[in-house]
N, C-alpha and C. Protein backbone atom coordinates (compact mmCIF):
# COMPACT_ATOMS: atom_id res chain seq x y z
N MET A 1 164.84 45.81 79.54
CA MET A 1 163.77 46.10 80.46
C MET A 1 162.60 45.16 80.21
N LEU A 2 162.33 44.88 78.93
CA LEU A 2 161.23 43.98 78.63
C LEU A 2 161.50 42.57 79.16
N GLN A 3 162.76 42.12 79.09
CA GLN A 3 163.11 40.81 79.64
C GLN A 3 162.92 40.78 81.14
N GLU A 4 163.26 41.85 81.81
CA GLU A 4 163.06 41.91 83.26
C GLU A 4 161.57 41.82 83.60
N ILE A 5 160.75 42.50 82.81
CA ILE A 5 159.30 42.45 83.04
C ILE A 5 158.79 41.04 82.79
N GLU A 6 159.23 40.42 81.67
CA GLU A 6 158.79 39.07 81.34
C GLU A 6 159.15 38.05 82.41
N HIS A 7 160.29 38.23 83.05
CA HIS A 7 160.74 37.31 84.10
C HIS A 7 160.24 37.71 85.49
N GLY A 8 159.43 38.76 85.55
CA GLY A 8 158.86 39.17 86.82
C GLY A 8 159.82 39.84 87.77
N ARG A 9 160.96 40.30 87.25
CA ARG A 9 161.96 40.92 88.12
C ARG A 9 161.83 42.43 88.19
N LEU A 10 161.09 43.03 87.27
CA LEU A 10 160.94 44.48 87.26
C LEU A 10 159.62 44.83 87.90
N ARG A 11 159.67 45.40 89.06
CA ARG A 11 158.46 45.70 89.81
C ARG A 11 158.16 47.20 89.88
N ARG A 12 159.20 48.04 89.81
CA ARG A 12 159.00 49.48 89.95
C ARG A 12 160.18 50.20 89.29
N TYR A 13 160.00 51.49 89.08
CA TYR A 13 161.06 52.28 88.45
C TYR A 13 162.37 52.21 89.22
N THR A 14 162.30 52.09 90.54
CA THR A 14 163.52 52.08 91.33
C THR A 14 164.36 50.84 91.08
N ASP A 15 163.81 49.83 90.40
CA ASP A 15 164.57 48.63 90.07
C ASP A 15 165.52 48.86 88.89
N ILE A 16 165.32 49.92 88.12
CA ILE A 16 166.12 50.19 86.92
C ILE A 16 167.19 51.22 87.28
N GLN A 17 168.46 50.81 87.20
CA GLN A 17 169.54 51.75 87.49
C GLN A 17 170.06 52.39 86.21
N CYS A 18 170.09 51.62 85.12
CA CYS A 18 170.54 52.15 83.84
C CYS A 18 170.04 51.24 82.73
N PHE A 19 170.11 51.76 81.51
CA PHE A 19 169.83 50.96 80.31
C PHE A 19 170.64 51.54 79.18
N PHE A 20 170.75 50.83 78.08
CA PHE A 20 171.53 51.28 76.93
C PHE A 20 170.58 51.60 75.78
N TYR A 21 170.81 52.76 75.17
CA TYR A 21 170.02 53.20 74.03
C TYR A 21 170.99 53.73 72.98
N ASN A 22 170.98 53.14 71.79
CA ASN A 22 171.93 53.52 70.73
C ASN A 22 173.36 53.51 71.24
N ASP A 23 173.71 52.48 71.98
CA ASP A 23 175.06 52.29 72.55
C ASP A 23 175.44 53.35 73.58
N ASN A 24 174.49 54.09 74.08
CA ASN A 24 174.74 55.08 75.13
C ASN A 24 174.12 54.60 76.43
N LYS A 25 174.88 54.71 77.49
CA LYS A 25 174.39 54.32 78.80
C LYS A 25 173.52 55.45 79.36
N ILE A 26 172.29 55.12 79.67
CA ILE A 26 171.34 56.07 80.22
C ILE A 26 171.12 55.68 81.68
N THR A 27 171.42 56.58 82.59
CA THR A 27 171.16 56.30 84.00
C THR A 27 169.79 56.83 84.37
N LEU A 28 169.16 56.12 85.26
CA LEU A 28 167.80 56.43 85.65
C LEU A 28 167.70 56.35 87.17
N LYS A 29 167.15 57.37 87.75
CA LYS A 29 166.92 57.38 89.19
C LYS A 29 165.48 57.79 89.42
N ALA A 30 164.76 56.96 90.14
CA ALA A 30 163.36 57.25 90.41
C ALA A 30 163.14 57.21 91.91
N ASP A 31 162.62 58.27 92.44
CA ASP A 31 162.32 58.35 93.86
C ASP A 31 160.81 58.38 94.03
N GLY A 32 160.30 57.42 94.80
CA GLY A 32 158.88 57.39 95.07
C GLY A 32 158.50 58.49 96.05
N MET A 33 157.29 58.95 95.91
CA MET A 33 156.80 60.00 96.80
C MET A 33 155.89 59.37 97.85
N LYS A 34 155.61 60.10 98.89
CA LYS A 34 154.72 59.63 99.95
C LYS A 34 153.27 59.94 99.56
N GLY A 35 152.81 59.32 98.52
CA GLY A 35 151.47 59.60 98.02
C GLY A 35 151.54 59.83 96.53
N TRP A 36 150.79 60.79 96.03
CA TRP A 36 150.78 61.06 94.60
C TRP A 36 150.42 62.52 94.35
N GLN A 37 150.67 62.92 93.13
CA GLN A 37 150.31 64.26 92.67
C GLN A 37 149.20 64.10 91.65
N THR A 38 148.08 64.72 91.87
CA THR A 38 146.95 64.66 90.96
C THR A 38 147.17 65.65 89.82
N SER A 39 146.77 65.26 88.63
CA SER A 39 146.92 66.10 87.44
C SER A 39 146.13 67.40 87.60
N ILE A 40 146.69 68.48 87.09
CA ILE A 40 146.00 69.77 87.13
C ILE A 40 144.81 69.80 86.18
N PHE A 41 144.71 68.80 85.29
CA PHE A 41 143.63 68.77 84.31
C PHE A 41 142.43 67.94 84.79
N LEU A 42 142.48 67.44 86.02
CA LEU A 42 141.40 66.63 86.59
C LEU A 42 141.00 65.49 85.66
N ASP A 43 142.01 64.78 85.15
CA ASP A 43 141.78 63.72 84.17
C ASP A 43 142.18 62.33 84.67
N GLU A 44 142.16 62.11 85.97
CA GLU A 44 142.50 60.84 86.60
C GLU A 44 143.96 60.43 86.42
N VAL A 45 144.82 61.36 86.04
CA VAL A 45 146.24 61.07 85.91
C VAL A 45 146.91 61.43 87.23
N GLN A 46 147.81 60.54 87.69
CA GLN A 46 148.50 60.78 88.96
C GLN A 46 150.00 60.54 88.79
N GLY A 47 150.79 61.25 89.56
CA GLY A 47 152.22 61.05 89.56
C GLY A 47 152.66 60.48 90.89
N ARG A 48 153.46 59.44 90.84
CA ARG A 48 153.91 58.77 92.06
C ARG A 48 155.44 58.79 92.22
N PHE A 49 156.15 59.13 91.15
CA PHE A 49 157.60 59.12 91.18
C PHE A 49 158.18 60.41 90.63
N ASP A 50 159.31 60.84 91.17
CA ASP A 50 160.15 61.86 90.57
C ASP A 50 161.25 61.10 89.85
N ILE A 51 161.45 61.38 88.58
CA ILE A 51 162.38 60.61 87.76
C ILE A 51 163.46 61.52 87.21
N ASP A 52 164.70 61.05 87.29
CA ASP A 52 165.86 61.77 86.80
C ASP A 52 166.55 60.89 85.76
N VAL A 53 166.74 61.39 84.54
CA VAL A 53 167.36 60.65 83.45
C VAL A 53 168.61 61.41 83.02
N GLN A 54 169.71 60.66 82.80
CA GLN A 54 170.96 61.34 82.45
C GLN A 54 171.79 60.48 81.51
N ARG A 55 172.50 61.13 80.58
CA ARG A 55 173.46 60.47 79.71
C ARG A 55 174.69 61.34 79.60
N GLN A 56 175.85 60.76 79.72
CA GLN A 56 177.09 61.50 79.57
C GLN A 56 177.39 61.73 78.09
N LEU A 57 177.94 62.87 77.78
CA LEU A 57 178.33 63.16 76.41
C LEU A 57 179.55 62.33 76.03
N ILE A 58 179.62 61.92 74.78
CA ILE A 58 180.82 61.25 74.29
C ILE A 58 181.83 62.32 73.89
N SER A 59 183.06 61.93 73.69
CA SER A 59 184.12 62.91 73.43
C SER A 59 183.85 63.76 72.18
N GLU A 60 183.28 63.15 71.14
CA GLU A 60 182.97 63.91 69.92
C GLU A 60 181.94 65.00 70.19
N GLU A 61 180.98 64.70 71.04
CA GLU A 61 179.96 65.69 71.38
C GLU A 61 180.56 66.83 72.20
N LYS A 62 181.44 66.49 73.13
CA LYS A 62 182.11 67.53 73.92
C LYS A 62 182.96 68.42 73.03
N THR A 63 183.67 67.82 72.09
CA THR A 63 184.50 68.59 71.15
C THR A 63 183.62 69.53 70.32
N PHE A 64 182.49 69.04 69.85
CA PHE A 64 181.57 69.87 69.08
C PHE A 64 181.09 71.07 69.90
N LEU A 65 180.69 70.82 71.14
CA LEU A 65 180.21 71.91 71.98
C LEU A 65 181.30 72.95 72.23
N ARG A 66 182.52 72.47 72.48
CA ARG A 66 183.63 73.41 72.72
C ARG A 66 183.90 74.28 71.50
N SER A 67 183.80 73.68 70.30
CA SER A 67 184.07 74.47 69.09
C SER A 67 182.89 75.39 68.74
N LYS A 68 181.69 74.89 68.88
CA LYS A 68 180.49 75.67 68.53
C LYS A 68 180.24 76.80 69.51
N TYR A 69 180.57 76.57 70.78
CA TYR A 69 180.30 77.55 71.83
C TYR A 69 181.59 77.98 72.52
N SER A 70 182.59 78.27 71.72
CA SER A 70 183.90 78.66 72.26
C SER A 70 183.86 79.97 73.04
N HIS A 71 182.82 80.77 72.83
CA HIS A 71 182.69 82.04 73.54
C HIS A 71 182.22 81.86 74.99
N LEU A 72 181.77 80.66 75.34
CA LEU A 72 181.30 80.43 76.71
C LEU A 72 182.44 80.17 77.67
N THR A 73 182.27 80.58 78.91
CA THR A 73 183.26 80.27 79.93
C THR A 73 183.13 78.79 80.29
N ASP A 74 184.09 78.26 81.03
CA ASP A 74 184.03 76.86 81.46
C ASP A 74 182.77 76.59 82.28
N THR A 75 182.40 77.53 83.13
CA THR A 75 181.20 77.38 83.94
C THR A 75 179.95 77.35 83.07
N GLN A 76 179.87 78.25 82.11
CA GLN A 76 178.72 78.29 81.21
C GLN A 76 178.63 77.02 80.36
N LEU A 77 179.79 76.54 79.93
CA LEU A 77 179.83 75.31 79.13
C LEU A 77 179.37 74.11 79.97
N ALA A 78 179.77 74.06 81.22
CA ALA A 78 179.34 72.99 82.12
C ALA A 78 177.83 73.05 82.34
N GLU A 79 177.29 74.26 82.47
CA GLU A 79 175.84 74.43 82.63
C GLU A 79 175.09 73.96 81.38
N LEU A 80 175.62 74.29 80.21
CA LEU A 80 175.02 73.86 78.96
C LEU A 80 175.03 72.33 78.86
N GLU A 81 176.16 71.74 79.18
CA GLU A 81 176.27 70.28 79.14
C GLU A 81 175.26 69.63 80.09
N ALA A 82 175.09 70.19 81.27
CA ALA A 82 174.12 69.65 82.22
C ALA A 82 172.70 69.74 81.67
N LYS A 83 172.39 70.84 81.00
CA LYS A 83 171.05 71.00 80.42
C LYS A 83 170.80 70.03 79.27
N LEU A 84 171.85 69.68 78.55
CA LEU A 84 171.71 68.79 77.40
C LEU A 84 171.69 67.31 77.78
N THR A 85 172.21 66.98 78.93
CA THR A 85 172.40 65.57 79.27
C THR A 85 171.51 65.06 80.40
N ARG A 86 170.72 65.91 81.00
CA ARG A 86 169.92 65.48 82.15
C ARG A 86 168.56 66.14 82.10
N PHE A 87 167.55 65.35 82.43
CA PHE A 87 166.25 65.97 82.64
C PHE A 87 165.53 65.28 83.79
N HIS A 88 164.70 66.05 84.44
CA HIS A 88 164.00 65.61 85.64
C HIS A 88 162.51 65.87 85.43
N PHE A 89 161.70 64.87 85.76
CA PHE A 89 160.26 65.03 85.59
C PHE A 89 159.53 64.15 86.60
N SER A 90 158.25 64.38 86.72
CA SER A 90 157.41 63.55 87.56
C SER A 90 156.60 62.62 86.68
N GLU A 91 156.53 61.38 87.10
CA GLU A 91 155.76 60.38 86.37
C GLU A 91 154.28 60.73 86.49
N MET A 92 153.58 60.62 85.39
CA MET A 92 152.13 60.81 85.41
C MET A 92 151.50 59.63 84.68
N VAL A 93 150.68 58.86 85.38
CA VAL A 93 150.02 57.70 84.79
C VAL A 93 148.53 57.76 85.06
N VAL A 94 147.78 57.10 84.21
CA VAL A 94 146.34 57.04 84.38
C VAL A 94 146.02 56.22 85.62
N SER A 95 145.13 56.70 86.43
CA SER A 95 144.69 56.00 87.63
C SER A 95 143.38 55.30 87.32
N PHE A 96 143.40 53.97 87.36
CA PHE A 96 142.17 53.20 87.13
C PHE A 96 141.51 52.90 88.46
N ARG A 97 140.35 53.43 88.68
CA ARG A 97 139.65 53.20 89.95
C ARG A 97 138.48 52.29 89.76
């Protein structure tokens, strides 16, 4: 990502589809909003993007979850995996006026 910034190719979050962290592929999806969300703390922080980050579990991690949580149904296990591998948040950055 830093190389993309240095070469002027990274302009916004939507330009990043994935990156690798500790040999794990992290997918990133950022959707811009039609405006911004002002911080509830009235501190000049604004959010302009909804961001979704996800990483698939490796087979060893899936095996661990199956053994540790063997009492869960397949549906419950899938829900747990989704909670562990994905998070969604809104970007909040300082607004310089």
